[in-house]
Structures are given as structure tokens and as C-alpha cells.
Amino acid sequence: GMAHYRAGRTSEALWWWQFSYFSNWGTTASATLRALHSVLAHVRLNQPLEELDGLDTDQSMGDETLEFEAGRVMAEEIGEPLGVRPAK
């Protein structure tokens, strides 16, 4: 696809990108997303953190606080069971 695109044949490049998506990497990418979704749903729905029980996202927390809390929760719920250590 890139060779056609660089040569100015945009329609041909798009055809080859579409072909490669449908015949190869599209299936792999969507399978990866399904696997990730399955892991996250399993971890999140089956092992909620007690400290988050009753947490209301409508509270007056700023975006930075919510971002920090979300990262902390994901690291604890997903990273620790998988043996991923937090970055220093």
C-alpha cells in the first residue's frame, strides 16, 4: 500500500490497505482487543476494590485526580496479578 501511496496512486493504496486489513491484520487486531476486553472485564467485574465501593464519579474531583485514581486502580487490579511492577 505504501509504495502505491508514495507513487501517487491513492486509490490503489487504499485498496491494498483494505485487502490487508480484511485478510490479515484486521482479524489479529480485533482478536487482541477481544482478549484485552475479556481480561479487563474479568478482573474488574470479579474483583472490585473495597475502597472504591460507593465512589461517585460525579464528585467534584478534577480530571487529574480522576486520572491518577484510575491509573492506581488499574495498576492494583490488573498489574499486580500479572506481576507488573509500577514505574518509578
PDB file of N, CA and C in Angstrom:
ATOM      1  N   GLY A   1       0.792  -1.197   0.000  1.00  0.00           N
ATOM      2  CA  GLY A   1       0.000   0.000   0.000  1.00  0.00           C
ATOM      3  C   GLY A   1       0.843   1.274   0.000  1.00  0.00           C
ATOM      4  N   MET A   2       1.913   1.286   0.791  1.00  0.00           N
ATOM      5  CA  MET A   2       2.729   2.499   0.890  1.00  0.00           C
ATOM      6  C   MET A   2       3.441   2.806  -0.420  1.00  0.00           C
ATOM      7  N   ALA A   3       3.865   1.785  -1.146  1.00  0.00           N
ATOM      8  CA  ALA A   3       4.541   2.020  -2.430  1.00  0.00           C
ATOM      9  C   ALA A   3       3.588   2.707  -3.403  1.00  0.00           C
ATOM     10  N   HIS A   4       2.344   2.261  -3.437  1.00  0.00           N
ATOM     11  CA  HIS A   4       1.348   2.891  -4.304  1.00  0.00           C
ATOM     12  C   HIS A   4       1.052   4.318  -3.836  1.00  0.00           C
ATOM     13  N   TYR A   5       0.959   4.497  -2.528  1.00  0.00           N
ATOM     14  CA  TYR A   5       0.667   5.827  -1.988  1.00  0.00           C
ATOM     15  C   TYR A   5       1.789   6.812  -2.326  1.00  0.00           C
ATOM     16  N   ARG A   6       3.023   6.380  -2.141  1.00  0.00           N
ATOM     17  CA  ARG A   6       4.174   7.255  -2.434  1.00  0.00           C
ATOM     18  C   ARG A   6       4.274   7.589  -3.919  1.00  0.00           C
ATOM     19  N   ALA A   7       3.771   6.675  -4.755  1.00  0.00           N
ATOM     20  CA  ALA A   7       3.788   6.907  -6.205  1.00  0.00           C
ATOM     21  C   ALA A   7       2.585   7.730  -6.657  1.00  0.00           C
ATOM     22  N   GLY A   8       1.749   8.151  -5.709  1.00  0.00           N
ATOM     23  CA  GLY A   8       0.604   8.997  -6.039  1.00  0.00           C
ATOM     24  C   GLY A   8      -0.652   8.235  -6.432  1.00  0.00           C
ATOM     25  N   ARG A   9      -0.634   6.914  -6.287  1.00  0.00           N
ATOM     26  CA  ARG A   9      -1.808   6.100  -6.631  1.00  0.00           C
ATOM     27  C   ARG A   9      -2.621   5.828  -5.365  1.00  0.00           C
ATOM     28  N   THR A  10      -3.341   6.844  -4.910  1.00  0.00           N
ATOM     29  CA  THR A  10      -4.074   6.771  -3.646  1.00  0.00           C
ATOM     30  C   THR A  10      -5.141   5.684  -3.654  1.00  0.00           C
ATOM     31  N   SER A  11      -5.908   5.584  -4.724  1.00  0.00           N
ATOM     32  CA  SER A  11      -6.967   4.565  -4.792  1.00  0.00           C
ATOM     33  C   SER A  11      -6.390   3.158  -4.704  1.00  0.00           C
ATOM     34  N   GLU A  12      -5.288   2.929  -5.403  1.00  0.00           N
ATOM     35  CA  GLU A  12      -4.636   1.614  -5.359  1.00  0.00           C
ATOM     36  C   GLU A  12      -4.106   1.326  -3.953  1.00  0.00           C
ATOM     37  N   ALA A  13      -3.527   2.349  -3.315  1.00  0.00           N
ATOM     38  CA  ALA A  13      -3.017   2.182  -1.950  1.00  0.00           C
ATOM     39  C   ALA A  13      -4.145   1.832  -0.996  1.00  0.00           C
ATOM     40  N   LEU A  14      -5.265   2.532  -1.104  1.00  0.00           N
ATOM     41  CA  LEU A  14      -6.408   2.241  -0.236  1.00  0.00           C
ATOM     42  C   LEU A  14      -6.928   0.827  -0.456  1.00  0.00           C
ATOM     43  N   TRP A  15      -6.945   0.379  -1.707  1.00  0.00           N
ATOM     44  CA  TRP A  15      -7.405  -0.976  -1.984  1.00  0.00           C
ATOM     45  C   TRP A  15      -6.515  -1.998  -1.285  1.00  0.00           C
ATOM     46  N   TRP A  16      -5.191  -1.810  -1.386  1.00  0.00           N
ATOM     47  CA  TRP A  16      -4.271  -2.761  -0.761  1.00  0.00           C
ATOM     48  C   TRP A  16      -4.339  -2.710   0.754  1.00  0.00           C
ATOM     49  N   TRP A  17      -4.526  -1.530   1.342  1.00  0.00           N
ATOM     50  CA  TRP A  17      -4.673  -1.438   2.795  1.00  0.00           C
ATOM     51  C   TRP A  17      -5.943  -2.148   3.244  1.00  0.00           C
ATOM     52  N   GLN A  18      -7.013  -1.954   2.490  1.00  0.00           N
ATOM     53  CA  GLN A  18      -8.266  -2.626   2.824  1.00  0.00           C
ATOM     54  C   GLN A  18      -8.098  -4.140   2.694  1.00  0.00           C
ATOM     55  N   PHE A  19      -7.462  -4.574   1.610  1.00  0.00           N
ATOM     56  CA  PHE A  19      -7.242  -6.004   1.402  1.00  0.00           C
ATOM     57  C   PHE A  19      -6.438  -6.604   2.550  1.00  0.00           C
ATOM     58  N   SER A  20      -5.340  -5.949   2.932  1.00  0.00           N
ATOM     59  CA  SER A  20      -4.501  -6.489   4.006  1.00  0.00           C
ATOM     60  C   SER A  20      -5.229  -6.454   5.346  1.00  0.00           C
ATOM     61  N   TYR A  21      -6.093  -5.457   5.544  1.00  0.00           N
ATOM     62  CA  TYR A  21      -6.877  -5.392   6.778  1.00  0.00           C
ATOM     63  C   TYR A  21      -7.821  -6.585   6.862  1.00  0.00           C
ATOM     64  N   PHE A  22      -8.569  -6.829   5.789  1.00  0.00           N
ATOM     65  CA  PHE A  22      -9.542  -7.919   5.800  1.00  0.00           C
ATOM     66  C   PHE A  22      -8.888  -9.296   5.783  1.00  0.00           C
ATOM     67  N   SER A  23      -7.732  -9.422   5.141  1.00  0.00           N
ATOM     68  CA  SER A  23      -7.124 -10.742   5.002  1.00  0.00           C
ATOM     69  C   SER A  23      -6.117 -11.077   6.094  1.00  0.00           C
ATOM     70  N   ASN A  24      -5.648 -10.095   6.855  1.00  0.00           N
ATOM     71  CA  ASN A  24      -4.588 -10.403   7.807  1.00  0.00           C
ATOM     72  C   ASN A  24      -4.707  -9.635   9.115  1.00  0.00           C
ATOM     73  N   TRP A  25      -4.244  -8.409   9.154  1.00  0.00           N
ATOM     74  CA  TRP A  25      -4.068  -7.738  10.432  1.00  0.00           C
ATOM     75  C   TRP A  25      -5.360  -7.287  11.084  1.00  0.00           C
ATOM     76  N   GLY A  26      -6.444  -7.141  10.353  1.00  0.00           N
ATOM     77  CA  GLY A  26      -7.716  -6.762  10.968  1.00  0.00           C
ATOM     78  C   GLY A  26      -8.209  -7.820  11.929  1.00  0.00           C
ATOM     79  N   THR A  27      -8.095  -9.074  11.531  1.00  0.00           N
ATOM     80  CA  THR A  27      -8.502 -10.186  12.391  1.00  0.00           C
ATOM     81  C   THR A  27      -7.630 -10.253  13.635  1.00  0.00           C
ATOM     82  N   THR A  28      -6.338 -10.074  13.455  1.00  0.00           N
ATOM     83  CA  THR A  28      -5.415 -10.108  14.586  1.00  0.00           C
ATOM     84  C   THR A  28      -5.682  -8.957  15.547  1.00  0.00           C
ATOM     85  N   ALA A  29      -5.886  -7.759  15.020  1.00  0.00           N
ATOM     86  CA  ALA A  29      -6.145  -6.597  15.871  1.00  0.00           C
ATOM     87  C   ALA A  29      -7.443  -6.759  16.644  1.00  0.00           C
ATOM     88  N   SER A  30      -8.502  -7.207  15.985  1.00  0.00           N
ATOM     89  CA  SER A  30      -9.775  -7.358  16.690  1.00  0.00           C
ATOM     90  C   SER A  30      -9.712  -8.498  17.704  1.00  0.00           C
ATOM     91  N   ALA A  31      -8.970  -9.565  17.416  1.00  0.00           N
ATOM     92  CA  ALA A  31      -8.806 -10.655  18.382  1.00  0.00           C
ATOM     93  C   ALA A  31      -8.047 -10.172  19.612  1.00  0.00           C
ATOM     94  N   THR A  32      -7.051  -9.322  19.393  1.00  0.00           N
ATOM     95  CA  THR A  32      -6.298  -8.752  20.508  1.00  0.00           C
ATOM     96  C   THR A  32      -7.195  -7.891  21.379  1.00  0.00           C
ATOM     97  N   LEU A  33      -8.023  -7.069  20.762  1.00  0.00           N
ATOM     98  CA  LEU A  33      -8.952  -6.236  21.530  1.00  0.00           C
ATOM     99  C   LEU A  33      -9.957  -7.085  22.302  1.00  0.00           C
ATOM    100  N   ARG A  34     -10.455  -8.165  21.690  1.00  0.00           N
ATOM    101  CA  ARG A  34     -11.393  -9.052  22.392  1.00  0.00           C
ATOM    102  C   ARG A  34     -10.725  -9.693  23.602  1.00  0.00           C
ATOM    103  N   ALA A  35      -9.473 -10.130  23.448  1.00  0.00           N
ATOM    104  CA  ALA A  35      -8.753 -10.745  24.563  1.00  0.00           C
ATOM    105  C   ALA A  35      -8.524  -9.738  25.682  1.00  0.00           C
ATOM    106  N   LEU A  36      -8.118  -8.532  25.329  1.00  0.00           N
ATOM    107  CA  LEU A  36      -7.911  -7.486  26.326  1.00  0.00           C
ATOM    108  C   LEU A  36      -9.214  -7.154  27.040  1.00  0.00           C
ATOM    109  N   HIS A  37     -10.293  -7.032  26.291  1.00  0.00           N
ATOM    110  CA  HIS A  37     -11.604  -6.754  26.882  1.00  0.00           C
ATOM    111  C   HIS A  37     -12.001  -7.864  27.846  1.00  0.00           C
ATOM    112  N   SER A  38     -11.762  -9.102  27.474  1.00  0.00           N
ATOM    113  CA  SER A  38     -12.102 -10.235  28.325  1.00  0.00           C
ATOM    114  C   SER A  38     -11.331 -10.193  29.641  1.00  0.00           C
ATOM    115  N   VAL A  39     -10.031  -9.921  29.568  1.00  0.00           N
ATOM    116  CA  VAL A  39      -9.207  -9.843  30.777  1.00  0.00           C
ATOM    117  C   VAL A  39      -9.674  -8.701  31.667  1.00  0.00           C
ATOM    118  N   LEU A  40      -9.860  -7.527  31.086  1.00  0.00           N
ATOM    119  CA  LEU A  40     -10.274  -6.371  31.880  1.00  0.00           C
ATOM    120  C   LEU A  40     -11.646  -6.576  32.504  1.00  0.00           C
ATOM    121  N   ALA A  41     -12.582  -7.119  31.744  1.00  0.00           N
ATOM    122  CA  ALA A  41     -13.922  -7.347  32.281  1.00  0.00           C
ATOM    123  C   ALA A  41     -13.871  -8.361  33.412  1.00  0.00           C
ATOM    124  N   HIS A  42     -13.096  -9.416  33.243  1.00  0.00           N
ATOM    125  CA  HIS A  42     -12.991 -10.432  34.289  1.00  0.00           C
ATOM    126  C   HIS A  42     -12.404  -9.839  35.565  1.00  0.00           C
ATOM    127  N   VAL A  43     -11.313  -9.122  35.421  1.00  0.00           N
ATOM    128  CA  VAL A  43     -10.655  -8.538  36.587  1.00  0.00           C
ATOM    129  C   VAL A  43     -11.549  -7.506  37.248  1.00  0.00           C
ATOM    130  N   ARG A  44     -12.119  -6.622  36.456  1.00  0.00           N
ATOM    131  CA  ARG A  44     -12.903  -5.513  37.003  1.00  0.00           C
ATOM    132  C   ARG A  44     -14.213  -5.983  37.617  1.00  0.00           C
ATOM    133  N   LEU A  45     -14.907  -6.914  36.994  1.00  0.00           N
ATOM    134  CA  LEU A  45     -16.209  -7.335  37.494  1.00  0.00           C
ATOM    135  C   LEU A  45     -16.115  -8.356  38.615  1.00  0.00           C
ATOM    136  N   ASN A  46     -15.064  -9.121  38.654  1.00  0.00           N
ATOM    137  CA  ASN A  46     -14.958 -10.175  39.657  1.00  0.00           C
ATOM    138  C   ASN A  46     -14.136  -9.797  40.879  1.00  0.00           C
ATOM    139  N   GLN A  47     -13.376  -8.716  40.806  1.00  0.00           N
ATOM    140  CA  GLN A  47     -12.514  -8.356  41.919  1.00  0.00           C
ATOM    141  C   GLN A  47     -12.545  -6.858  42.185  1.00  0.00           C
ATOM    142  N   PRO A  48     -13.702  -6.293  42.490  1.00  0.00           N
ATOM    143  CA  PRO A  48     -13.724  -4.848  42.747  1.00  0.00           C
ATOM    144  C   PRO A  48     -12.974  -4.510  44.037  1.00  0.00           C
ATOM    145  N   LEU A  49     -12.327  -3.388  44.045  1.00  0.00           N
ATOM    146  CA  LEU A  49     -11.619  -2.941  45.239  1.00  0.00           C
ATOM    147  C   LEU A  49     -12.617  -2.414  46.263  1.00  0.00           C
ATOM    148  N   GLU A  50     -12.482  -2.872  47.500  1.00  0.00           N
ATOM    149  CA  GLU A  50     -13.408  -2.443  48.549  1.00  0.00           C
ATOM    150  C   GLU A  50     -13.350  -0.935  48.765  1.00  0.00           C
ATOM    151  N   GLU A  51     -12.173  -0.354  48.637  1.00  0.00           N
ATOM    152  CA  GLU A  51     -12.037   1.082  48.893  1.00  0.00           C
ATOM    153  C   GLU A  51     -12.785   1.936  47.874  1.00  0.00           C
ATOM    154  N   LEU A  52     -13.134   1.346  46.724  1.00  0.00           N
ATOM    155  CA  LEU A  52     -13.874   2.090  45.707  1.00  0.00           C
ATOM    156  C   LEU A  52     -15.377   1.901  45.824  1.00  0.00           C
ATOM    157  N   ASP A  53     -15.809   1.065  46.748  1.00  0.00           N
ATOM    158  CA  ASP A  53     -17.236   0.827  46.926  1.00  0.00           C
ATOM    159  C   ASP A  53     -17.916   2.144  47.290  1.00  0.00           C
ATOM    160  N   GLY A  54     -18.871   2.546  46.492  1.00  0.00           N
ATOM    161  CA  GLY A  54     -19.599   3.782  46.743  1.00  0.00           C
ATOM    162  C   GLY A  54     -18.949   5.014  46.153  1.00  0.00           C
ATOM    163  N   LEU A  55     -17.823   4.857  45.467  1.00  0.00           N
ATOM    164  CA  LEU A  55     -17.167   6.009  44.849  1.00  0.00           C
ATOM    165  C   LEU A  55     -18.062   6.577  43.763  1.00  0.00           C
ATOM    166  N   ASP A  56     -18.260   7.848  43.799  1.00  0.00           N
ATOM    167  CA  ASP A  56     -19.149   8.503  42.845  1.00  0.00           C
ATOM    168  C   ASP A  56     -18.315   9.358  41.902  1.00  0.00           C
ATOM    169  N   THR A  57     -18.404   9.082  40.618  1.00  0.00           N
ATOM    170  CA  THR A  57     -17.631   9.864  39.658  1.00  0.00           C
ATOM    171  C   THR A  57     -18.183  11.269  39.482  1.00  0.00           C
ATOM    172  N   ASP A  58     -19.348  11.540  40.060  1.00  0.00           N
ATOM    173  CA  ASP A  58     -19.908  12.889  39.992  1.00  0.00           C
ATOM    174  C   ASP A  58     -19.366  13.787  41.087  1.00  0.00           C
ATOM    175  N   GLN A  59     -18.495  13.254  41.932  1.00  0.00           N
ATOM    176  CA  GLN A  59     -17.897  14.083  42.966  1.00  0.00           C
ATOM    177  C   GLN A  59     -17.069  15.173  42.299  1.00  0.00           C
ATOM    178  N   SER A  60     -16.744  16.176  43.039  1.00  0.00           N
ATOM    179  CA  SER A  60     -16.060  17.331  42.454  1.00  0.00           C
ATOM    180  C   SER A  60     -14.548  17.118  42.337  1.00  0.00           C
ATOM    181  N   MET A  61     -14.142  15.953  41.893  1.00  0.00           N
ATOM    182  CA  MET A  61     -12.717  15.701  41.660  1.00  0.00           C
ATOM    183  C   MET A  61     -12.328  16.267  40.304  1.00  0.00           C
ATOM    184  N   GLY A  62     -11.123  16.761  40.200  1.00  0.00           N
ATOM    185  CA  GLY A  62     -10.637  17.259  38.920  1.00  0.00           C
ATOM    186  C   GLY A  62     -10.195  16.116  38.025  1.00  0.00           C
ATOM    187  N   ASP A  63      -9.950  16.424  36.770  1.00  0.00           N
ATOM    188  CA  ASP A  63      -9.522  15.408  35.808  1.00  0.00           C
ATOM    189  C   ASP A  63      -8.213  14.745  36.219  1.00  0.00           C
ATOM    190  N   GLU A  64      -7.293  15.530  36.772  1.00  0.00           N
ATOM    191  CA  GLU A  64      -6.004  14.965  37.171  1.00  0.00           C
ATOM    192  C   GLU A  64      -6.170  13.958  38.300  1.00  0.00           C
ATOM    193  N   THR A  65      -7.051  14.255  39.249  1.00  0.00           N
ATOM    194  CA  THR A  65      -7.302  13.330  40.354  1.00  0.00           C
ATOM    195  C   THR A  65      -7.942  12.054  39.846  1.00  0.00           C
ATOM    196  N   LEU A  66      -8.941  12.191  38.968  1.00  0.00           N
ATOM    197  CA  LEU A  66      -9.595  11.011  38.408  1.00  0.00           C
ATOM    198  C   LEU A  66      -8.616  10.174  37.592  1.00  0.00           C
ATOM    199  N   GLU A  67      -7.741  10.844  36.839  1.00  0.00           N
ATOM    200  CA  GLU A  67      -6.738  10.133  36.042  1.00  0.00           C
ATOM    201  C   GLU A  67      -5.783   9.362  36.945  1.00  0.00           C
ATOM    202  N   PHE A  68      -5.339  10.000  38.023  1.00  0.00           N
ATOM    203  CA  PHE A  68      -4.441   9.343  38.970  1.00  0.00           C
ATOM    204  C   PHE A  68      -5.117   8.139  39.614  1.00  0.00           C
ATOM    205  N   GLU A  69      -6.356   8.319  40.071  1.00  0.00           N
ATOM    206  CA  GLU A  69      -7.086   7.227  40.723  1.00  0.00           C
ATOM    207  C   GLU A  69      -7.323   6.067  39.763  1.00  0.00           C
ATOM    208  N   ALA A  70      -7.684   6.375  38.520  1.00  0.00           N
ATOM    209  CA  ALA A  70      -7.914   5.320  37.530  1.00  0.00           C
ATOM    210  C   ALA A  70      -6.633   4.532  37.276  1.00  0.00           C
ATOM    211  N   GLY A  71      -5.513   5.226  37.163  1.00  0.00           N
ATOM    212  CA  GLY A  71      -4.234   4.555  36.962  1.00  0.00           C
ATOM    213  C   GLY A  71      -3.850   3.689  38.141  1.00  0.00           C
ATOM    214  N   ARG A  72      -4.088   4.192  39.339  1.00  0.00           N
ATOM    215  CA  ARG A  72      -3.773   3.433  40.544  1.00  0.00           C
ATOM    216  C   ARG A  72      -4.621   2.169  40.627  1.00  0.00           C
ATOM    217  N   VAL A  73      -5.915   2.316  40.338  1.00  0.00           N
ATOM    218  CA  VAL A  73      -6.824   1.172  40.388  1.00  0.00           C
ATOM    219  C   VAL A  73      -6.425   0.123  39.357  1.00  0.00           C
ATOM    220  N   MET A  74      -6.119   0.565  38.134  1.00  0.00           N
ATOM    221  CA  MET A  74      -5.728  -0.388  37.093  1.00  0.00           C
ATOM    222  C   MET A  74      -4.427  -1.096  37.456  1.00  0.00           C
ATOM    223  N   ALA A  75      -3.484  -0.354  38.015  1.00  0.00           N
ATOM    224  CA  ALA A  75      -2.222  -0.972  38.409  1.00  0.00           C
ATOM    225  C   ALA A  75      -2.452  -2.018  39.489  1.00  0.00           C
ATOM    226  N   GLU A  76      -3.331  -1.714  40.438  1.00  0.00           N
ATOM    227  CA  GLU A  76      -3.588  -2.649  41.528  1.00  0.00           C
ATOM    228  C   GLU A  76      -4.396  -3.854  41.064  1.00  0.00           C
ATOM    229  N   GLU A  77      -5.429  -3.613  40.272  1.00  0.00           N
ATOM    230  CA  GLU A  77      -6.312  -4.707  39.867  1.00  0.00           C
ATOM    231  C   GLU A  77      -5.738  -5.566  38.754  1.00  0.00           C
ATOM    232  N   ILE A  78      -5.000  -4.956  37.849  1.00  0.00           N
ATOM    233  CA  ILE A  78      -4.520  -5.691  36.681  1.00  0.00           C
ATOM    234  C   ILE A  78      -3.023  -5.959  36.773  1.00  0.00           C
ATOM    235  N   GLY A  79      -2.261  -4.938  37.109  1.00  0.00           N
ATOM    236  CA  GLY A  79      -0.809  -5.073  37.118  1.00  0.00           C
ATOM    237  C   GLY A  79      -0.287  -6.036  38.159  1.00  0.00           C
ATOM    238  N   GLU A  80      -0.782  -5.925  39.388  1.00  0.00           N
ATOM    239  CA  GLU A  80      -0.277  -6.788  40.453  1.00  0.00           C
ATOM    240  C   GLU A  80      -0.542  -8.268  40.185  1.00  0.00           C
ATOM    241  N   PRO A  81      -1.768  -8.670  39.781  1.00  0.00           N
ATOM    242  CA  PRO A  81      -1.979 -10.091  39.484  1.00  0.00           C
ATOM    243  C   PRO A  81      -1.106 -10.610  38.341  1.00  0.00           C
ATOM    244  N   LEU A  82      -0.743  -9.734  37.410  1.00  0.00           N
ATOM    245  CA  LEU A  82       0.096 -10.142  36.282  1.00  0.00           C
ATOM    246  C   LEU A  82       1.586 -10.019  36.586  1.00  0.00           C
ATOM    247  N   GLY A  83       1.923  -9.488  37.766  1.00  0.00           N
ATOM    248  CA  GLY A  83       3.315  -9.338  38.150  1.00  0.00           C
ATOM    249  C   GLY A  83       3.997  -8.125  37.559  1.00  0.00           C
ATOM    250  N   VAL A  84       3.217  -7.132  37.111  1.00  0.00           N
ATOM    251  CA  VAL A  84       3.784  -5.910  36.545  1.00  0.00           C
ATOM    252  C   VAL A  84       4.086  -4.950  37.686  1.00  0.00           C
ATOM    253  N   ARG A  85       5.304  -4.484  37.734  1.00  0.00           N
ATOM    254  CA  ARG A  85       5.706  -3.563  38.803  1.00  0.00           C
ATOM    255  C   ARG A  85       5.472  -2.126  38.367  1.00  0.00           C
ATOM    256  N   PRO A  86       5.054  -1.268  39.292  1.00  0.00           N
ATOM    257  CA  PRO A  86       4.833   0.138  38.930  1.00  0.00           C
ATOM    258  C   PRO A  86       6.139   0.828  38.550  1.00  0.00           C
ATOM    259  N   ALA A  87       6.052   1.770  37.637  1.00  0.00           N
ATOM    260  CA  ALA A  87       7.222   2.547  37.215  1.00  0.00           C
ATOM    261  C   ALA A  87       7.621   3.504  38.315  1.00  0.00           C
ATOM    262  N   LYS A  88       8.918   3.735  38.435  1.00  0.00           N
ATOM    263  CA  LYS A  88       9.402   4.652  39.475  1.00  0.00           C
ATOM    264  C   LYS A  88       9.687   5.997  38.907  1.00  0.00           C
TER     265      LYS A  88
END
